[in-house]
Amino acid sequence: MTTFRSEDTLVGIVAAVVVVPWVVWTISRGLRDGKLPIGRAYVRKDERAAPFWVLMGLYVAAAGMAVFISLDLLFGPTFRKWL
């Protein structure tokens, strides 16, 4: 099954405009308030520091992957040449 370039561009724009800012907003709110969401609960930095920082690392990795995916979908083969 093949995809059209316009579909890749649309998904890349959605990832760049919606997903990446949402994850970055969650990270900044977690650093400011000292708690990160996980499901319906929160992990608080003052109560459980190690799980908080592990979850923060996972959020940072998710943001990095979302940026990489959106750039790959938007720029396609030209982005792959830079790697």
PDB file of N, CA and C in Angstrom:
ATOM      1  N   MET A   1       0.839  -1.168   0.000  1.00  0.00           N
ATOM      2  CA  MET A   1       0.000   0.000   0.000  1.00  0.00           C
ATOM      3  C   MET A   1       0.892   1.243   0.000  1.00  0.00           C
ATOM      4  N   THR A   2       0.588   2.161  -0.839  1.00  0.00           N
ATOM      5  CA  THR A   2       1.383   3.377  -0.937  1.00  0.00           C
ATOM      6  C   THR A   2       0.607   4.549  -0.367  1.00  0.00           C
ATOM      7  N   THR A   3       1.337   5.546   0.063  1.00  0.00           N
ATOM      8  CA  THR A   3       0.715   6.777   0.547  1.00  0.00           C
ATOM      9  C   THR A   3       1.092   7.910  -0.389  1.00  0.00           C
ATOM     10  N   PHE A   4       0.244   8.873  -0.449  1.00  0.00           N
ATOM     11  CA  PHE A   4       0.511  10.041  -1.270  1.00  0.00           C
ATOM     12  C   PHE A   4       1.302  11.060  -0.461  1.00  0.00           C
ATOM     13  N   ARG A   5       2.035  11.880  -1.148  1.00  0.00           N
ATOM     14  CA  ARG A   5       2.857  12.900  -0.488  1.00  0.00           C
ATOM     15  C   ARG A   5       2.006  13.864   0.318  1.00  0.00           C
ATOM     16  N   SER A   6       0.801  14.147  -0.132  1.00  0.00           N
ATOM     17  CA  SER A   6      -0.065  15.071   0.602  1.00  0.00           C
ATOM     18  C   SER A   6      -0.483  14.490   1.945  1.00  0.00           C
ATOM     19  N   GLU A   7      -0.656  13.163   2.029  1.00  0.00           N
ATOM     20  CA  GLU A   7      -0.990  12.533   3.297  1.00  0.00           C
ATOM     21  C   GLU A   7       0.182  12.641   4.273  1.00  0.00           C
ATOM     22  N   ASP A   8       1.386  12.411   3.778  1.00  0.00           N
ATOM     23  CA  ASP A   8       2.569  12.548   4.624  1.00  0.00           C
ATOM     24  C   ASP A   8       2.715  13.985   5.130  1.00  0.00           C
ATOM     25  N   THR A   9       2.473  14.941   4.257  1.00  0.00           N
ATOM     26  CA  THR A   9       2.580  16.345   4.647  1.00  0.00           C
ATOM     27  C   THR A   9       1.539  16.693   5.698  1.00  0.00           C
ATOM     28  N   LEU A  10       0.320  16.224   5.523  1.00  0.00           N
ATOM     29  CA  LEU A  10      -0.742  16.512   6.486  1.00  0.00           C
ATOM     30  C   LEU A  10      -0.425  15.922   7.859  1.00  0.00           C
ATOM     31  N   VAL A  11       0.015  14.680   7.900  1.00  0.00           N
ATOM     32  CA  VAL A  11       0.356  14.048   9.175  1.00  0.00           C
ATOM     33  C   VAL A  11       1.565  14.736   9.803  1.00  0.00           C
ATOM     34  N   GLY A  12       2.530  15.143   8.996  1.00  0.00           N
ATOM     35  CA  GLY A  12       3.688  15.865   9.517  1.00  0.00           C
ATOM     36  C   GLY A  12       3.315  17.210  10.106  1.00  0.00           C
ATOM     37  N   ILE A  13       2.401  17.908   9.457  1.00  0.00           N
ATOM     38  CA  ILE A  13       1.939  19.199   9.986  1.00  0.00           C
ATOM     39  C   ILE A  13       1.192  19.006  11.297  1.00  0.00           C
ATOM     40  N   VAL A  14       0.326  18.004  11.359  1.00  0.00           N
ATOM     41  CA  VAL A  14      -0.410  17.734  12.605  1.00  0.00           C
ATOM     42  C   VAL A  14       0.558  17.374  13.722  1.00  0.00           C
ATOM     43  N   ALA A  15       1.558  16.552  13.423  1.00  0.00           N
ATOM     44  CA  ALA A  15       2.543  16.182  14.439  1.00  0.00           C
ATOM     45  C   ALA A  15       3.333  17.400  14.906  1.00  0.00           C
ATOM     46  N   ALA A  16       3.708  18.273  13.972  1.00  0.00           N
ATOM     47  CA  ALA A  16       4.512  19.441  14.335  1.00  0.00           C
ATOM     48  C   ALA A  16       3.705  20.509  15.057  1.00  0.00           C
ATOM     49  N   VAL A  17       2.421  20.621  14.740  1.00  0.00           N
ATOM     50  CA  VAL A  17       1.611  21.712  15.294  1.00  0.00           C
ATOM     51  C   VAL A  17       0.841  21.288  16.541  1.00  0.00           C
ATOM     52  N   VAL A  18       0.510  20.009  16.656  1.00  0.00           N
ATOM     53  CA  VAL A  18      -0.320  19.570  17.784  1.00  0.00           C
ATOM     54  C   VAL A  18       0.460  18.702  18.767  1.00  0.00           C
ATOM     55  N   VAL A  19       1.090  17.658  18.279  1.00  0.00           N
ATOM     56  CA  VAL A  19       1.698  16.669  19.169  1.00  0.00           C
ATOM     57  C   VAL A  19       2.933  17.220  19.878  1.00  0.00           C
ATOM     58  N   VAL A  20       3.839  17.811  19.139  1.00  0.00           N
ATOM     59  CA  VAL A  20       5.081  18.309  19.739  1.00  0.00           C
ATOM     60  C   VAL A  20       4.809  19.403  20.780  1.00  0.00           C
ATOM     61  N   PRO A  21       3.993  20.428  20.481  1.00  0.00           N
ATOM     62  CA  PRO A  21       3.728  21.433  21.520  1.00  0.00           C
ATOM     63  C   PRO A  21       3.020  20.858  22.746  1.00  0.00           C
ATOM     64  N   TRP A  22       2.158  19.856  22.555  1.00  0.00           N
ATOM     65  CA  TRP A  22       1.463  19.261  23.685  1.00  0.00           C
ATOM     66  C   TRP A  22       2.440  18.550  24.622  1.00  0.00           C
ATOM     67  N   VAL A  23       3.391  17.808  24.059  1.00  0.00           N
ATOM     68  CA  VAL A  23       4.370  17.105  24.882  1.00  0.00           C
ATOM     69  C   VAL A  23       5.308  18.109  25.557  1.00  0.00           C
ATOM     70  N   VAL A  24       5.728  19.140  24.833  1.00  0.00           N
ATOM     71  CA  VAL A  24       6.595  20.168  25.426  1.00  0.00           C
ATOM     72  C   VAL A  24       5.858  20.924  26.521  1.00  0.00           C
ATOM     73  N   TRP A  25       4.573  21.194  26.327  1.00  0.00           N
ATOM     74  CA  TRP A  25       3.768  21.855  27.357  1.00  0.00           C
ATOM     75  C   TRP A  25       3.670  20.972  28.602  1.00  0.00           C
ATOM     76  N   THR A  26       3.503  19.668  28.424  1.00  0.00           N
ATOM     77  CA  THR A  26       3.443  18.746  29.556  1.00  0.00           C
ATOM     78  C   THR A  26       4.766  18.722  30.306  1.00  0.00           C
ATOM     79  N   ILE A  27       5.872  18.746  29.568  1.00  0.00           N
ATOM     80  CA  ILE A  27       7.193  18.757  30.204  1.00  0.00           C
ATOM     81  C   ILE A  27       7.390  20.045  30.996  1.00  0.00           C
ATOM     82  N   SER A  28       7.068  21.192  30.399  1.00  0.00           N
ATOM     83  CA  SER A  28       7.270  22.462  31.100  1.00  0.00           C
ATOM     84  C   SER A  28       6.353  22.577  32.313  1.00  0.00           C
ATOM     85  N   ARG A  29       5.129  22.104  32.198  1.00  0.00           N
ATOM     86  CA  ARG A  29       4.208  22.127  33.336  1.00  0.00           C
ATOM     87  C   ARG A  29       4.697  21.193  34.437  1.00  0.00           C
ATOM     88  N   GLY A  30       5.269  20.043  34.043  1.00  0.00           N
ATOM     89  CA  GLY A  30       5.804  19.108  35.033  1.00  0.00           C
ATOM     90  C   GLY A  30       6.986  19.674  35.778  1.00  0.00           C
ATOM     91  N   LEU A  31       7.849  20.391  35.077  1.00  0.00           N
ATOM     92  CA  LEU A  31       8.991  21.021  35.758  1.00  0.00           C
ATOM     93  C   LEU A  31       8.544  22.161  36.663  1.00  0.00           C
ATOM     94  N   ARG A  32       7.538  22.913  36.227  1.00  0.00           N
ATOM     95  CA  ARG A  32       7.059  24.044  37.014  1.00  0.00           C
ATOM     96  C   ARG A  32       6.296  23.579  38.262  1.00  0.00           C
ATOM     97  N   ASP A  33       5.381  22.615  38.105  1.00  0.00           N
ATOM     98  CA  ASP A  33       4.527  22.188  39.206  1.00  0.00           C
ATOM     99  C   ASP A  33       5.110  21.031  40.012  1.00  0.00           C
ATOM    100  N   GLY A  34       6.084  20.345  39.464  1.00  0.00           N
ATOM    101  CA  GLY A  34       6.690  19.230  40.176  1.00  0.00           C
ATOM    102  C   GLY A  34       5.871  17.957  40.113  1.00  0.00           C
ATOM    103  N   LYS A  35       5.011  17.819  39.095  1.00  0.00           N
ATOM    104  CA  LYS A  35       4.240  16.589  38.943  1.00  0.00           C
ATOM    105  C   LYS A  35       3.992  16.331  37.461  1.00  0.00           C
ATOM    106  N   LEU A  36       4.011  15.045  37.109  1.00  0.00           N
ATOM    107  CA  LEU A  36       3.783  14.642  35.720  1.00  0.00           C
ATOM    108  C   LEU A  36       2.614  13.667  35.662  1.00  0.00           C
ATOM    109  N   PRO A  37       1.761  13.795  34.646  1.00  0.00           N
ATOM    110  CA  PRO A  37       0.636  12.874  34.537  1.00  0.00           C
ATOM    111  C   PRO A  37       1.062  11.518  33.995  1.00  0.00           C
ATOM    112  N   ILE A  38       0.453  10.489  34.553  1.00  0.00           N
ATOM    113  CA  ILE A  38       0.600   9.140  34.042  1.00  0.00           C
ATOM    114  C   ILE A  38      -0.764   8.475  34.208  1.00  0.00           C
ATOM    115  N   GLY A  39      -1.455   8.360  33.105  1.00  0.00           N
ATOM    116  CA  GLY A  39      -2.833   7.879  33.167  1.00  0.00           C
ATOM    117  C   GLY A  39      -3.710   8.926  33.829  1.00  0.00           C
ATOM    118  N   ARG A  40      -4.474   8.523  34.826  1.00  0.00           N
ATOM    119  CA  ARG A  40      -5.300   9.477  35.576  1.00  0.00           C
ATOM    120  C   ARG A  40      -4.613   9.957  36.847  1.00  0.00           C
ATOM    121  N   ALA A  41      -3.437   9.457  37.122  1.00  0.00           N
ATOM    122  CA  ALA A  41      -2.704   9.811  38.336  1.00  0.00           C
ATOM    123  C   ALA A  41      -1.544  10.743  37.990  1.00  0.00           C
ATOM    124  N   TYR A  42      -0.855  11.172  39.012  1.00  0.00           N
ATOM    125  CA  TYR A  42       0.317  12.026  38.855  1.00  0.00           C
ATOM    126  C   TYR A  42       1.478  11.442  39.632  1.00  0.00           C
ATOM    127  N   VAL A  43       2.675  11.629  39.116  1.00  0.00           N
ATOM    128  CA  VAL A  43       3.897  11.299  39.840  1.00  0.00           C
ATOM    129  C   VAL A  43       4.481  12.619  40.305  1.00  0.00           C
ATOM    130  N   ARG A  44       4.596  12.777  41.608  1.00  0.00           N
ATOM    131  CA  ARG A  44       5.092  14.028  42.189  1.00  0.00           C
ATOM    132  C   ARG A  44       6.585  13.921  42.483  1.00  0.00           C
ATOM    133  N   LYS A  45       7.306  15.008  42.176  1.00  0.00           N
ATOM    134  CA  LYS A  45       8.754  15.021  42.345  1.00  0.00           C
ATOM    135  C   LYS A  45       9.145  14.958  43.817  1.00  0.00           C
ATOM    136  N   ASP A  46       8.390  15.609  44.676  1.00  0.00           N
ATOM    137  CA  ASP A  46       8.758  15.628  46.092  1.00  0.00           C
ATOM    138  C   ASP A  46       8.466  14.299  46.789  1.00  0.00           C
ATOM    139  N   GLU A  47       7.524  13.508  46.275  1.00  0.00           N
ATOM    140  CA  GLU A  47       7.199  12.222  46.890  1.00  0.00           C
ATOM    141  C   GLU A  47       8.044  11.082  46.335  1.00  0.00           C
ATOM    142  N   ARG A  48       8.217  11.056  45.012  1.00  0.00           N
ATOM    143  CA  ARG A  48       8.948   9.972  44.357  1.00  0.00           C
ATOM    144  C   ARG A  48       9.827  10.581  43.271  1.00  0.00           C
ATOM    145  N   ALA A  49      11.037  10.940  43.645  1.00  0.00           N
ATOM    146  CA  ALA A  49      11.918  11.667  42.726  1.00  0.00           C
ATOM    147  C   ALA A  49      12.405  10.796  41.566  1.00  0.00           C
ATOM    148  N   ALA A  50      12.820   9.572  41.847  1.00  0.00           N
ATOM    149  CA  ALA A  50      13.364   8.723  40.780  1.00  0.00           C
ATOM    150  C   ALA A  50      12.318   8.403  39.710  1.00  0.00           C
ATOM    151  N   PRO A  51      11.106   7.946  40.080  1.00  0.00           N
ATOM    152  CA  PRO A  51      10.107   7.713  39.021  1.00  0.00           C
ATOM    153  C   PRO A  51       9.724   8.985  38.272  1.00  0.00           C
ATOM    154  N   PHE A  52       9.762  10.130  38.954  1.00  0.00           N
ATOM    155  CA  PHE A  52       9.473  11.399  38.287  1.00  0.00           C
ATOM    156  C   PHE A  52      10.477  11.653  37.177  1.00  0.00           C
ATOM    157  N   TRP A  53      11.763  11.484  37.468  1.00  0.00           N
ATOM    158  CA  TRP A  53      12.791  11.766  36.468  1.00  0.00           C
ATOM    159  C   TRP A  53      12.815  10.722  35.352  1.00  0.00           C
ATOM    160  N   VAL A  54      12.458   9.463  35.663  1.00  0.00           N
ATOM    161  CA  VAL A  54      12.337   8.447  34.614  1.00  0.00           C
ATOM    162  C   VAL A  54      11.198   8.821  33.673  1.00  0.00           C
ATOM    163  N   LEU A  55      10.061   9.223  34.246  1.00  0.00           N
ATOM    164  CA  LEU A  55       8.930   9.632  33.428  1.00  0.00           C
ATOM    165  C   LEU A  55       9.255  10.889  32.630  1.00  0.00           C
ATOM    166  N   MET A  56      10.011  11.809  33.216  1.00  0.00           N
ATOM    167  CA  MET A  56      10.443  13.000  32.491  1.00  0.00           C
ATOM    168  C   MET A  56      11.316  12.610  31.297  1.00  0.00           C
ATOM    169  N   GLY A  57      12.203  11.646  31.499  1.00  0.00           N
ATOM    170  CA  GLY A  57      13.025  11.165  30.396  1.00  0.00           C
ATOM    171  C   GLY A  57      12.194  10.545  29.279  1.00  0.00           C
ATOM    172  N   LEU A  58      11.144   9.825  29.656  1.00  0.00           N
ATOM    173  CA  LEU A  58      10.257   9.243  28.646  1.00  0.00           C
ATOM    174  C   LEU A  58       9.501  10.320  27.884  1.00  0.00           C
ATOM    175  N   TYR A  59       9.075  11.369  28.587  1.00  0.00           N
ATOM    176  CA  TYR A  59       8.403  12.476  27.900  1.00  0.00           C
ATOM    177  C   TYR A  59       9.358  13.194  26.951  1.00  0.00           C
ATOM    178  N   VAL A  60      10.596  13.397  27.360  1.00  0.00           N
ATOM    179  CA  VAL A  60      11.589  14.040  26.493  1.00  0.00           C
ATOM    180  C   VAL A  60      11.870  13.164  25.271  1.00  0.00           C
ATOM    181  N   ALA A  61      11.970  11.852  25.484  1.00  0.00           N
ATOM    182  CA  ALA A  61      12.180  10.939  24.354  1.00  0.00           C
ATOM    183  C   ALA A  61      10.982  10.977  23.404  1.00  0.00           C
ATOM    184  N   ALA A  62       9.766  11.049  23.956  1.00  0.00           N
ATOM    185  CA  ALA A  62       8.573  11.126  23.108  1.00  0.00           C
ATOM    186  C   ALA A  62       8.566  12.408  22.294  1.00  0.00           C
ATOM    187  N   ALA A  63       8.980  13.521  22.902  1.00  0.00           N
ATOM    188  CA  ALA A  63       9.044  14.787  22.174  1.00  0.00           C
ATOM    189  C   ALA A  63      10.087  14.707  21.063  1.00  0.00           C
ATOM    190  N   GLY A  64      11.231  14.117  21.357  1.00  0.00           N
ATOM    191  CA  GLY A  64      12.268  13.966  20.336  1.00  0.00           C
ATOM    192  C   GLY A  64      11.820  13.094  19.175  1.00  0.00           C
ATOM    193  N   MET A  65      11.130  12.000  19.485  1.00  0.00           N
ATOM    194  CA  MET A  65      10.635  11.135  18.416  1.00  0.00           C
ATOM    195  C   MET A  65       9.556  11.824  17.591  1.00  0.00           C
ATOM    196  N   ALA A  66       8.695  12.604  18.252  1.00  0.00           N
ATOM    197  CA  ALA A  66       7.650  13.314  17.510  1.00  0.00           C
ATOM    198  C   ALA A  66       8.263  14.362  16.582  1.00  0.00           C
ATOM    199  N   VAL A  67       9.298  15.044  17.033  1.00  0.00           N
ATOM    200  CA  VAL A  67       9.989  16.016  16.182  1.00  0.00           C
ATOM    201  C   VAL A  67      10.635  15.308  14.995  1.00  0.00           C
ATOM    202  N   PHE A  68      11.307  14.199  15.265  1.00  0.00           N
ATOM    203  CA  PHE A  68      11.963  13.448  14.191  1.00  0.00           C
ATOM    204  C   PHE A  68      10.948  12.949  13.166  1.00  0.00           C
ATOM    205  N   ILE A  69       9.838  12.400  13.635  1.00  0.00           N
ATOM    206  CA  ILE A  69       8.817  11.881  12.726  1.00  0.00           C
ATOM    207  C   ILE A  69       8.192  13.003  11.902  1.00  0.00           C
ATOM    208  N   SER A  70       7.893  14.128  12.547  1.00  0.00           N
ATOM    209  CA  SER A  70       7.282  15.229  11.797  1.00  0.00           C
ATOM    210  C   SER A  70       8.246  15.784  10.748  1.00  0.00           C
ATOM    211  N   LEU A  71       9.533  15.907  11.084  1.00  0.00           N
ATOM    212  CA  LEU A  71      10.509  16.371  10.095  1.00  0.00           C
ATOM    213  C   LEU A  71      10.657  15.376   8.952  1.00  0.00           C
ATOM    214  N   ASP A  72      10.650  14.092   9.279  1.00  0.00           N
ATOM    215  CA  ASP A  72      10.763  13.073   8.242  1.00  0.00           C
ATOM    216  C   ASP A  72       9.556  13.100   7.318  1.00  0.00           C
ATOM    217  N   LEU A  73       8.359  13.280   7.876  1.00  0.00           N
ATOM    218  CA  LEU A  73       7.170  13.319   7.034  1.00  0.00           C
ATOM    219  C   LEU A  73       7.080  14.597   6.208  1.00  0.00           C
ATOM    220  N   LEU A  74       7.553  15.699   6.758  1.00  0.00           N
ATOM    221  CA  LEU A  74       7.468  16.966   6.030  1.00  0.00           C
ATOM    222  C   LEU A  74       8.523  17.083   4.935  1.00  0.00           C
ATOM    223  N   PHE A  75       9.741  16.649   5.218  1.00  0.00           N
ATOM    224  CA  PHE A  75      10.829  16.861   4.267  1.00  0.00           C
ATOM    225  C   PHE A  75      11.272  15.610   3.530  1.00  0.00           C
ATOM    226  N   GLY A  76      10.817  14.440   3.955  1.00  0.00           N
ATOM    227  CA  GLY A  76      11.039  13.184   3.252  1.00  0.00           C
ATOM    228  C   GLY A  76      12.472  12.871   2.948  1.00  0.00           C
ATOM    229  N   PRO A  77      12.792  12.558   1.695  1.00  0.00           N
ATOM    230  CA  PRO A  77      14.154  12.117   1.335  1.00  0.00           C
ATOM    231  C   PRO A  77      15.225  13.180   1.583  1.00  0.00           C
ATOM    232  N   THR A  78      14.887  14.449   1.510  1.00  0.00           N
ATOM    233  CA  THR A  78      15.908  15.483   1.758  1.00  0.00           C
ATOM    234  C   THR A  78      16.343  15.469   3.218  1.00  0.00           C
ATOM    235  N   PHE A  79      15.430  15.147   4.125  1.00  0.00           N
ATOM    236  CA  PHE A  79      15.786  15.041   5.550  1.00  0.00           C
ATOM    237  C   PHE A  79      16.687  13.831   5.790  1.00  0.00           C
ATOM    238  N   ARG A  80      16.440  12.748   5.091  1.00  0.00           N
ATOM    239  CA  ARG A  80      17.234  11.539   5.276  1.00  0.00           C
ATOM    240  C   ARG A  80      18.665  11.718   4.799  1.00  0.00           C
ATOM    241  N   LYS A  81      18.899  12.622   3.846  1.00  0.00           N
ATOM    242  CA  LYS A  81      20.264  12.883   3.369  1.00  0.00           C
ATOM    243  C   LYS A  81      21.092  13.567   4.458  1.00  0.00           C
ATOM    244  N   TRP A  82      20.458  14.322   5.331  1.00  0.00           N
ATOM    245  CA  TRP A  82      21.193  15.030   6.387  1.00  0.00           C
ATOM    246  C   TRP A  82      21.675  14.083   7.457  1.00  0.00           C
ATOM    247  N   LEU A  83      21.039  12.919   7.577  1.00  0.00           N
ATOM    248  CA  LEU A  83      21.433  11.980   8.639  1.00  0.00           C
ATOM    249  C   LEU A  83      22.660  11.282   8.258  1.00  0.00           C
TER     250      LEU A  83
END
